[in-house]
Amino acid sequence: MTKQKISSKVVRARSLAIYELDQFIDYIHIVDPKLNIDQAIVLAAFALHDLPQLFQINPELLNRLKEIAQEIRKKGSECDRLTLVNGVRSSGDVNQT
């Protein structure tokens, strides 16, 4: 098996996803402080697993996801979390925390 070189854009995107997942786990821990960190991580995994179903039953949430995807495509390689926070998120209903 040969190793493929991962682009810096993919590395940055993964880092962003990991950061946001960590923030979500912290939020879960706030919602239920009695959870151990490993339990909060497992709960986050369950939430991620159920996320597609949540989008399907909530058209507003699905439309928001599509809007953000369109904005990301429009911004291309310059799109990062700061761009999203200052652009997409601030123009929509998503709260900035």
PDB file of N, CA and C in Angstrom:
ATOM      1  N   MET A   1       0.839  -1.170   0.000  1.00  0.00           N
ATOM      2  CA  MET A   1       0.000   0.000   0.000  1.00  0.00           C
ATOM      3  C   MET A   1       0.892   1.243   0.000  1.00  0.00           C
ATOM      4  N   THR A   2       0.655   2.111  -0.933  1.00  0.00           N
ATOM      5  CA  THR A   2       1.475   3.317  -1.018  1.00  0.00           C
ATOM      6  C   THR A   2       0.793   4.465  -0.290  1.00  0.00           C
ATOM      7  N   LYS A   3       1.612   5.307   0.294  1.00  0.00           N
ATOM      8  CA  LYS A   3       1.088   6.479   0.985  1.00  0.00           C
ATOM      9  C   LYS A   3       0.821   7.576  -0.029  1.00  0.00           C
ATOM     10  N   GLN A   4      -0.330   8.226   0.127  1.00  0.00           N
ATOM     11  CA  GLN A   4      -0.631   9.364  -0.722  1.00  0.00           C
ATOM     12  C   GLN A   4      -0.351  10.631   0.055  1.00  0.00           C
ATOM     13  N   LYS A   5       0.195  11.591  -0.638  1.00  0.00           N
ATOM     14  CA  LYS A   5       0.479  12.873   0.000  1.00  0.00           C
ATOM     15  C   LYS A   5      -0.841  13.622   0.190  1.00  0.00           C
ATOM     16  N   ILE A   6      -1.036  14.138   1.385  1.00  0.00           N
ATOM     17  CA  ILE A   6      -2.257  14.874   1.708  1.00  0.00           C
ATOM     18  C   ILE A   6      -1.970  16.354   1.527  1.00  0.00           C
ATOM     19  N   SER A   7      -2.847  17.031   0.804  1.00  0.00           N
ATOM     20  CA  SER A   7      -2.637  18.450   0.541  1.00  0.00           C
ATOM     21  C   SER A   7      -2.793  19.269   1.821  1.00  0.00           C
ATOM     22  N   SER A   8      -2.199  20.437   1.811  1.00  0.00           N
ATOM     23  CA  SER A   8      -2.294  21.319   2.982  1.00  0.00           C
ATOM     24  C   SER A   8      -3.741  21.780   3.192  1.00  0.00           C
ATOM     25  N   LYS A   9      -4.513  21.881   2.120  1.00  0.00           N
ATOM     26  CA  LYS A   9      -5.928  22.253   2.265  1.00  0.00           C
ATOM     27  C   LYS A   9      -6.699  21.186   3.024  1.00  0.00           C
ATOM     28  N   VAL A  10      -6.407  19.927   2.743  1.00  0.00           N
ATOM     29  CA  VAL A  10      -7.077  18.832   3.441  1.00  0.00           C
ATOM     30  C   VAL A  10      -6.644  18.804   4.900  1.00  0.00           C
ATOM     31  N   VAL A  11      -5.374  19.036   5.162  1.00  0.00           N
ATOM     32  CA  VAL A  11      -4.873  19.074   6.536  1.00  0.00           C
ATOM     33  C   VAL A  11      -5.568  20.192   7.314  1.00  0.00           C
ATOM     34  N   ARG A  12      -5.686  21.382   6.709  1.00  0.00           N
ATOM     35  CA  ARG A  12      -6.375  22.500   7.374  1.00  0.00           C
ATOM     36  C   ARG A  12      -7.851  22.182   7.605  1.00  0.00           C
ATOM     37  N   ALA A  13      -8.502  21.563   6.625  1.00  0.00           N
ATOM     38  CA  ALA A  13      -9.922  21.213   6.767  1.00  0.00           C
ATOM     39  C   ALA A  13     -10.117  20.188   7.882  1.00  0.00           C
ATOM     40  N   ARG A  14      -9.233  19.201   7.943  1.00  0.00           N
ATOM     41  CA  ARG A  14      -9.320  18.207   9.017  1.00  0.00           C
ATOM     42  C   ARG A  14      -9.090  18.849  10.371  1.00  0.00           C
ATOM     43  N   SER A  15      -8.134  19.746  10.438  1.00  0.00           N
ATOM     44  CA  SER A  15      -7.860  20.442  11.702  1.00  0.00           C
ATOM     45  C   SER A  15      -9.080  21.234  12.152  1.00  0.00           C
ATOM     46  N   LEU A  16      -9.743  21.875  11.213  1.00  0.00           N
ATOM     47  CA  LEU A  16     -10.960  22.622  11.527  1.00  0.00           C
ATOM     48  C   LEU A  16     -12.052  21.683  12.031  1.00  0.00           C
ATOM     49  N   ALA A  17     -12.229  20.559  11.366  1.00  0.00           N
ATOM     50  CA  ALA A  17     -13.251  19.597  11.787  1.00  0.00           C
ATOM     51  C   ALA A  17     -12.959  19.070  13.189  1.00  0.00           C
ATOM     52  N   ILE A  18     -11.702  18.780  13.466  1.00  0.00           N
ATOM     53  CA  ILE A  18     -11.312  18.294  14.791  1.00  0.00           C
ATOM     54  C   ILE A  18     -11.560  19.368  15.850  1.00  0.00           C
ATOM     55  N   TYR A  19     -11.213  20.612  15.526  1.00  0.00           N
ATOM     56  CA  TYR A  19     -11.440  21.718  16.460  1.00  0.00           C
ATOM     57  C   TYR A  19     -12.935  21.854  16.767  1.00  0.00           C
ATOM     58  N   GLU A  20     -13.758  21.832  15.720  1.00  0.00           N
ATOM     59  CA  GLU A  20     -15.201  21.993  15.916  1.00  0.00           C
ATOM     60  C   GLU A  20     -15.793  20.814  16.681  1.00  0.00           C
ATOM     61  N   LEU A  21     -15.296  19.601  16.422  1.00  0.00           N
ATOM     62  CA  LEU A  21     -15.752  18.439  17.169  1.00  0.00           C
ATOM     63  C   LEU A  21     -15.396  18.579  18.645  1.00  0.00           C
ATOM     64  N   ASP A  22     -14.213  19.070  18.922  1.00  0.00           N
ATOM     65  CA  ASP A  22     -13.787  19.293  20.299  1.00  0.00           C
ATOM     66  C   ASP A  22     -14.685  20.329  20.987  1.00  0.00           C
ATOM     67  N   GLN A  23     -15.054  21.369  20.260  1.00  0.00           N
ATOM     68  CA  GLN A  23     -15.963  22.383  20.807  1.00  0.00           C
ATOM     69  C   GLN A  23     -17.333  21.768  21.104  1.00  0.00           C
ATOM     70  N   PHE A  24     -17.797  20.886  20.217  1.00  0.00           N
ATOM     71  CA  PHE A  24     -19.081  20.209  20.413  1.00  0.00           C
ATOM     72  C   PHE A  24     -19.031  19.300  21.635  1.00  0.00           C
ATOM     73  N   ILE A  25     -17.940  18.598  21.810  1.00  0.00           N
ATOM     74  CA  ILE A  25     -17.776  17.731  22.982  1.00  0.00           C
ATOM     75  C   ILE A  25     -17.791  18.578  24.254  1.00  0.00           C
ATOM     76  N   ASP A  26     -17.138  19.723  24.232  1.00  0.00           N
ATOM     77  CA  ASP A  26     -17.190  20.636  25.381  1.00  0.00           C
ATOM     78  C   ASP A  26     -18.623  21.069  25.659  1.00  0.00           C
ATOM     79  N   TYR A  27     -19.378  21.354  24.600  1.00  0.00           N
ATOM     80  CA  TYR A  27     -20.781  21.759  24.761  1.00  0.00           C
ATOM     81  C   TYR A  27     -21.598  20.628  25.397  1.00  0.00           C
ATOM     82  N   ILE A  28     -21.394  19.408  24.924  1.00  0.00           N
ATOM     83  CA  ILE A  28     -22.095  18.258  25.500  1.00  0.00           C
ATOM     84  C   ILE A  28     -21.772  18.147  26.986  1.00  0.00           C
ATOM     85  N   HIS A  29     -20.526  18.399  27.324  1.00  0.00           N
ATOM     86  CA  HIS A  29     -20.113  18.327  28.730  1.00  0.00           C
ATOM     87  C   HIS A  29     -20.781  19.416  29.555  1.00  0.00           C
ATOM     88  N   ILE A  30     -21.077  20.557  28.945  1.00  0.00           N
ATOM     89  CA  ILE A  30     -21.818  21.623  29.637  1.00  0.00           C
ATOM     90  C   ILE A  30     -23.272  21.200  29.834  1.00  0.00           C
ATOM     91  N   VAL A  31     -23.853  20.580  28.808  1.00  0.00           N
ATOM     92  CA  VAL A  31     -25.239  20.124  28.892  1.00  0.00           C
ATOM     93  C   VAL A  31     -25.399  19.080  29.998  1.00  0.00           C
ATOM     94  N   ASP A  32     -24.428  18.175  30.097  1.00  0.00           N
ATOM     95  CA  ASP A  32     -24.456  17.153  31.143  1.00  0.00           C
ATOM     96  C   ASP A  32     -23.068  17.018  31.761  1.00  0.00           C
ATOM     97  N   PRO A  33     -22.771  17.863  32.765  1.00  0.00           N
ATOM     98  CA  PRO A  33     -21.438  17.872  33.379  1.00  0.00           C
ATOM     99  C   PRO A  33     -21.074  16.576  34.099  1.00  0.00           C
ATOM    100  N   LYS A  34     -22.057  15.723  34.350  1.00  0.00           N
ATOM    101  CA  LYS A  34     -21.761  14.466  35.044  1.00  0.00           C
ATOM    102  C   LYS A  34     -21.135  13.422  34.122  1.00  0.00           C
ATOM    103  N   LEU A  35     -21.168  13.678  32.818  1.00  0.00           N
ATOM    104  CA  LEU A  35     -20.536  12.755  31.877  1.00  0.00           C
ATOM    105  C   LEU A  35     -19.018  12.837  32.004  1.00  0.00           C
ATOM    106  N   ASN A  36     -18.364  11.690  31.950  1.00  0.00           N
ATOM    107  CA  ASN A  36     -16.909  11.673  31.815  1.00  0.00           C
ATOM    108  C   ASN A  36     -16.581  12.123  30.398  1.00  0.00           C
ATOM    109  N   ILE A  37     -15.355  12.535  30.159  1.00  0.00           N
ATOM    110  CA  ILE A  37     -14.970  13.015  28.837  1.00  0.00           C
ATOM    111  C   ILE A  37     -15.160  11.927  27.775  1.00  0.00           C
ATOM    112  N   ASP A  38     -14.826  10.670  28.124  1.00  0.00           N
ATOM    113  CA  ASP A  38     -15.017   9.599  27.142  1.00  0.00           C
ATOM    114  C   ASP A  38     -16.496   9.380  26.844  1.00  0.00           C
ATOM    115  N   GLN A  39     -17.347   9.567  27.831  1.00  0.00           N
ATOM    116  CA  GLN A  39     -18.785   9.435  27.609  1.00  0.00           C
ATOM    117  C   GLN A  39     -19.306  10.580  26.728  1.00  0.00           C
ATOM    118  N   ALA A  40     -18.774  11.776  26.939  1.00  0.00           N
ATOM    119  CA  ALA A  40     -19.163  12.915  26.100  1.00  0.00           C
ATOM    120  C   ALA A  40     -18.729  12.692  24.650  1.00  0.00           C
ATOM    121  N   ILE A  41     -17.578  12.069  24.457  1.00  0.00           N
ATOM    122  CA  ILE A  41     -17.100  11.763  23.106  1.00  0.00           C
ATOM    123  C   ILE A  41     -18.019  10.735  22.445  1.00  0.00           C
ATOM    124  N   VAL A  42     -18.413   9.707  23.188  1.00  0.00           N
ATOM    125  CA  VAL A  42     -19.330   8.699  22.645  1.00  0.00           C
ATOM    126  C   VAL A  42     -20.669   9.341  22.286  1.00  0.00           C
ATOM    127  N   LEU A  43     -21.159  10.231  23.136  1.00  0.00           N
ATOM    128  CA  LEU A  43     -22.409  10.930  22.841  1.00  0.00           C
ATOM    129  C   LEU A  43     -22.274  11.792  21.587  1.00  0.00           C
ATOM    130  N   ALA A  44     -21.135  12.426  21.419  1.00  0.00           N
ATOM    131  CA  ALA A  44     -20.888  13.208  20.196  1.00  0.00           C
ATOM    132  C   ALA A  44     -20.928  12.294  18.973  1.00  0.00           C
ATOM    133  N   ALA A  45     -20.374  11.098  19.090  1.00  0.00           N
ATOM    134  CA  ALA A  45     -20.406  10.134  17.978  1.00  0.00           C
ATOM    135  C   ALA A  45     -21.844   9.747  17.642  1.00  0.00           C
ATOM    136  N   PHE A  46     -22.660   9.520  18.663  1.00  0.00           N
ATOM    137  CA  PHE A  46     -24.071   9.221  18.427  1.00  0.00           C
ATOM    138  C   PHE A  46     -24.758  10.389  17.718  1.00  0.00           C
ATOM    139  N   ALA A  47     -24.463  11.606  18.159  1.00  0.00           N
ATOM    140  CA  ALA A  47     -25.068  12.790  17.535  1.00  0.00           C
ATOM    141  C   ALA A  47     -24.664  12.897  16.066  1.00  0.00           C
ATOM    142  N   LEU A  48     -23.384  12.665  15.771  1.00  0.00           N
ATOM    143  CA  LEU A  48     -22.922  12.693  14.381  1.00  0.00           C
ATOM    144  C   LEU A  48     -23.611  11.617  13.552  1.00  0.00           C
ATOM    145  N   HIS A  49     -23.776  10.452  14.137  1.00  0.00           N
ATOM    146  CA  HIS A  49     -24.439   9.351  13.434  1.00  0.00           C
ATOM    147  C   HIS A  49     -25.879   9.722  13.076  1.00  0.00           C
ATOM    148  N   ASP A  50     -26.571  10.410  13.980  1.00  0.00           N
ATOM    149  CA  ASP A  50     -27.974  10.767  13.768  1.00  0.00           C
ATOM    150  C   ASP A  50     -28.161  12.059  12.980  1.00  0.00           C
ATOM    151  N   LEU A  51     -27.094  12.768  12.711  1.00  0.00           N
ATOM    152  CA  LEU A  51     -27.189  14.066  12.035  1.00  0.00           C
ATOM    153  C   LEU A  51     -27.875  14.005  10.670  1.00  0.00           C
ATOM    154  N   PRO A  52     -27.579  13.048   9.800  1.00  0.00           N
ATOM    155  CA  PRO A  52     -28.275  13.015   8.507  1.00  0.00           C
ATOM    156  C   PRO A  52     -29.800  12.916   8.653  1.00  0.00           C
ATOM    157  N   GLN A  53     -30.258  12.130   9.609  1.00  0.00           N
ATOM    158  CA  GLN A  53     -31.701  12.016   9.837  1.00  0.00           C
ATOM    159  C   GLN A  53     -32.267  13.351  10.320  1.00  0.00           C
ATOM    160  N   LEU A  54     -31.538  14.059  11.157  1.00  0.00           N
ATOM    161  CA  LEU A  54     -31.980  15.359  11.632  1.00  0.00           C
ATOM    162  C   LEU A  54     -32.138  16.338  10.478  1.00  0.00           C
ATOM    163  N   PHE A  55     -31.192  16.320   9.531  1.00  0.00           N
ATOM    164  CA  PHE A  55     -31.295  17.183   8.352  1.00  0.00           C
ATOM    165  C   PHE A  55     -32.523  16.816   7.519  1.00  0.00           C
ATOM    166  N   GLN A  56     -32.822  15.523   7.417  1.00  0.00           N
ATOM    167  CA  GLN A  56     -33.957  15.086   6.606  1.00  0.00           C
ATOM    168  C   GLN A  56     -35.299  15.508   7.205  1.00  0.00           C
ATOM    169  N   ILE A  57     -35.399  15.520   8.518  1.00  0.00           N
ATOM    170  CA  ILE A  57     -36.682  15.869   9.141  1.00  0.00           C
ATOM    171  C   ILE A  57     -36.811  17.366   9.423  1.00  0.00           C
ATOM    172  N   ASN A  58     -35.731  18.116   9.201  1.00  0.00           N
ATOM    173  CA  ASN A  58     -35.760  19.548   9.448  1.00  0.00           C
ATOM    174  C   ASN A  58     -35.337  20.285   8.178  1.00  0.00           C
ATOM    175  N   PRO A  59     -36.303  20.627   7.306  1.00  0.00           N
ATOM    176  CA  PRO A  59     -35.966  21.274   6.034  1.00  0.00           C
ATOM    177  C   PRO A  59     -35.195  22.580   6.191  1.00  0.00           C
ATOM    178  N   GLU A  60     -35.478  23.351   7.237  1.00  0.00           N
ATOM    179  CA  GLU A  60     -34.746  24.609   7.442  1.00  0.00           C
ATOM    180  C   GLU A  60     -33.267  24.348   7.692  1.00  0.00           C
ATOM    181  N   LEU A  61     -32.986  23.335   8.483  1.00  0.00           N
ATOM    182  CA  LEU A  61     -31.603  22.978   8.774  1.00  0.00           C
ATOM    183  C   LEU A  61     -30.907  22.469   7.509  1.00  0.00           C
ATOM    184  N   LEU A  62     -31.611  21.662   6.722  1.00  0.00           N
ATOM    185  CA  LEU A  62     -31.046  21.154   5.474  1.00  0.00           C
ATOM    186  C   LEU A  62     -30.782  22.296   4.495  1.00  0.00           C
ATOM    187  N   ASN A  63     -31.715  23.230   4.404  1.00  0.00           N
ATOM    188  CA  ASN A  63     -31.510  24.388   3.523  1.00  0.00           C
ATOM    189  C   ASN A  63     -30.320  25.218   3.978  1.00  0.00           C
ATOM    190  N   ARG A  64     -30.152  25.367   5.267  1.00  0.00           N
ATOM    191  CA  ARG A  64     -29.005  26.117   5.801  1.00  0.00           C
ATOM    192  C   ARG A  64     -27.696  25.419   5.445  1.00  0.00           C
ATOM    193  N   LEU A  65     -27.689  24.086   5.544  1.00  0.00           N
ATOM    194  CA  LEU A  65     -26.501  23.320   5.165  1.00  0.00           C
ATOM    195  C   LEU A  65     -26.173  23.553   3.689  1.00  0.00           C
ATOM    196  N   LYS A  66     -27.201  23.563   2.858  1.00  0.00           N
ATOM    197  CA  LYS A  66     -27.004  23.788   1.420  1.00  0.00           C
ATOM    198  C   LYS A  66     -26.490  25.199   1.145  1.00  0.00           C
ATOM    199  N   GLU A  67     -26.999  26.188   1.894  1.00  0.00           N
ATOM    200  CA  GLU A  67     -26.515  27.569   1.746  1.00  0.00           C
ATOM    201  C   GLU A  67     -25.037  27.671   2.097  1.00  0.00           C
ATOM    202  N   ILE A  68     -24.662  27.040   3.186  1.00  0.00           N
ATOM    203  CA  ILE A  68     -23.259  27.080   3.616  1.00  0.00           C
ATOM    204  C   ILE A  68     -22.382  26.371   2.585  1.00  0.00           C
ATOM    205  N   ALA A  69     -22.848  25.234   2.066  1.00  0.00           N
ATOM    206  CA  ALA A  69     -22.087  24.511   1.042  1.00  0.00           C
ATOM    207  C   ALA A  69     -21.882  25.387  -0.192  1.00  0.00           C
ATOM    208  N   GLN A  70     -22.923  26.101  -0.591  1.00  0.00           N
ATOM    209  CA  GLN A  70     -22.819  26.991  -1.751  1.00  0.00           C
ATOM    210  C   GLN A  70     -21.806  28.107  -1.482  1.00  0.00           C
ATOM    211  N   GLU A  71     -21.828  28.653  -0.295  1.00  0.00           N
ATOM    212  CA  GLU A  71     -20.883  29.721   0.068  1.00  0.00           C
ATOM    213  C   GLU A  71     -19.447  29.194   0.084  1.00  0.00           C
ATOM    214  N   ILE A  72     -19.266  27.990   0.580  1.00  0.00           N
ATOM    215  CA  ILE A  72     -17.928  27.384   0.603  1.00  0.00           C
ATOM    216  C   ILE A  72     -17.429  27.185  -0.824  1.00  0.00           C
ATOM    217  N   ARG A  73     -18.295  26.681  -1.708  1.00  0.00           N
ATOM    218  CA  ARG A  73     -17.889  26.492  -3.109  1.00  0.00           C
ATOM    219  C   ARG A  73     -17.538  27.820  -3.755  1.00  0.00           C
ATOM    220  N   LYS A  74     -18.300  28.857  -3.438  1.00  0.00           N
ATOM    221  CA  LYS A  74     -18.067  30.183  -4.008  1.00  0.00           C
ATOM    222  C   LYS A  74     -16.721  30.745  -3.558  1.00  0.00           C
ATOM    223  N   LYS A  75     -16.388  30.548  -2.291  1.00  0.00           N
ATOM    224  CA  LYS A  75     -15.151  31.101  -1.744  1.00  0.00           C
ATOM    225  C   LYS A  75     -13.934  30.278  -2.129  1.00  0.00           C
ATOM    226  N   GLY A  76     -14.143  29.016  -2.487  1.00  0.00           N
ATOM    227  CA  GLY A  76     -13.047  28.175  -2.960  1.00  0.00           C
ATOM    228  C   GLY A  76     -11.978  27.939  -1.920  1.00  0.00           C
ATOM    229  N   SER A  77     -10.730  27.980  -2.353  1.00  0.00           N
ATOM    230  CA  SER A  77      -9.613  27.611  -1.493  1.00  0.00           C
ATOM    231  C   SER A  77      -9.365  28.601  -0.363  1.00  0.00           C
ATOM    232  N   GLU A  78      -9.918  29.793  -0.471  1.00  0.00           N
ATOM    233  CA  GLU A  78      -9.696  30.768   0.599  1.00  0.00           C
ATOM    234  C   GLU A  78     -10.670  30.598   1.752  1.00  0.00           C
ATOM    235  N   CYS A  79     -11.574  29.643   1.638  1.00  0.00           N
ATOM    236  CA  CYS A  79     -12.581  29.443   2.675  1.00  0.00           C
ATOM    237  C   CYS A  79     -11.972  28.717   3.871  1.00  0.00           C
ATOM    238  N   ASP A  80     -12.168  29.284   5.047  1.00  0.00           N
ATOM    239  CA  ASP A  80     -11.740  28.659   6.286  1.00  0.00           C
ATOM    240  C   ASP A  80     -12.742  29.043   7.365  1.00  0.00           C
ATOM    241  N   ARG A  81     -12.478  28.669   8.595  1.00  0.00           N
ATOM    242  CA  ARG A  81     -13.440  28.933   9.670  1.00  0.00           C
ATOM    243  C   ARG A  81     -13.679  30.430   9.846  1.00  0.00           C
ATOM    244  N   LEU A  82     -12.630  31.231   9.797  1.00  0.00           N
ATOM    245  CA  LEU A  82     -12.777  32.665   9.970  1.00  0.00           C
ATOM    246  C   LEU A  82     -13.664  33.241   8.876  1.00  0.00           C
ATOM    247  N   THR A  83     -13.466  32.788   7.654  1.00  0.00           N
ATOM    248  CA  THR A  83     -14.309  33.232   6.548  1.00  0.00           C
ATOM    249  C   THR A  83     -15.750  32.862   6.815  1.00  0.00           C
ATOM    250  N   LEU A  84     -15.982  31.637   7.288  1.00  0.00           N
ATOM    251  CA  LEU A  84     -17.343  31.200   7.561  1.00  0.00           C
ATOM    252  C   LEU A  84     -17.976  32.000   8.689  1.00  0.00           C
ATOM    253  N   VAL A  85     -17.230  32.210   9.740  1.00  0.00           N
ATOM    254  CA  VAL A  85     -17.764  32.954  10.878  1.00  0.00           C
ATOM    255  C   VAL A  85     -18.102  34.381  10.466  1.00  0.00           C
ATOM    256  N   ASN A  86     -17.223  35.015   9.714  1.00  0.00           N
ATOM    257  CA  ASN A  86     -17.442  36.402   9.322  1.00  0.00           C
ATOM    258  C   ASN A  86     -18.415  36.552   8.162  1.00  0.00           C
ATOM    259  N   GLY A  87     -18.600  35.503   7.381  1.00  0.00           N
ATOM    260  CA  GLY A  87     -19.439  35.600   6.199  1.00  0.00           C
ATOM    261  C   GLY A  87     -20.720  34.813   6.333  1.00  0.00           C
ATOM    262  N   VAL A  88     -20.632  33.523   6.142  1.00  0.00           N
ATOM    263  CA  VAL A  88     -21.807  32.670   6.097  1.00  0.00           C
ATOM    264  C   VAL A  88     -22.581  32.707   7.407  1.00  0.00           C
ATOM    265  N   ARG A  89     -21.909  32.489   8.498  1.00  0.00           N
ATOM    266  CA  ARG A  89     -22.614  32.408   9.770  1.00  0.00           C
ATOM    267  C   ARG A  89     -23.249  33.738  10.150  1.00  0.00           C
ATOM    268  N   SER A  90     -22.557  34.822   9.903  1.00  0.00           N
ATOM    269  CA  SER A  90     -23.115  36.101  10.321  1.00  0.00           C
ATOM    270  C   SER A  90     -24.272  36.551   9.429  1.00  0.00           C
ATOM    271  N   SER A  91     -24.384  35.956   8.238  1.00  0.00           N
ATOM    272  CA  SER A  91     -25.469  36.344   7.357  1.00  0.00           C
ATOM    273  C   SER A  91     -26.702  35.484   7.546  1.00  0.00           C
ATOM    274  N   GLY A  92     -26.599  34.426   8.360  1.00  0.00           N
ATOM    275  CA  GLY A  92     -27.714  33.528   8.555  1.00  0.00           C
ATOM    276  C   GLY A  92     -28.191  33.502   9.989  1.00  0.00           C
ATOM    277  N   ASP A  93     -28.952  32.453  10.279  1.00  0.00           N
ATOM    278  CA  ASP A  93     -29.551  32.330  11.588  1.00  0.00           C
ATOM    279  C   ASP A  93     -28.679  31.589  12.590  1.00  0.00           C
ATOM    280  N   VAL A  94     -27.534  31.100  12.159  1.00  0.00           N
ATOM    281  CA  VAL A  94     -26.690  30.318  13.051  1.00  0.00           C
ATOM    282  C   VAL A  94     -26.032  31.240  14.061  1.00  0.00           C
ATOM    283  N   ASN A  95     -26.157  30.880  15.316  1.00  0.00           N
ATOM    284  CA  ASN A  95     -25.568  31.683  16.372  1.00  0.00           C
ATOM    285  C   ASN A  95     -24.072  31.492  16.408  1.00  0.00           C
ATOM    286  N   GLN A  96     -23.370  32.563  16.665  1.00  0.00           N
ATOM    287  CA  GLN A  96     -21.911  32.479  16.835  1.00  0.00           C
ATOM    288  C   GLN A  96     -21.620  32.339  18.305  1.00  0.00           C
ATOM    289  N   THR A  97     -20.891  31.271  18.650  1.00  0.00           N
ATOM    290  CA  THR A  97     -20.529  31.066  20.053  1.00  0.00           C
ATOM    291  C   THR A  97     -19.054  30.877  20.162  1.00  0.00           C
TER     292      THR A  97
END
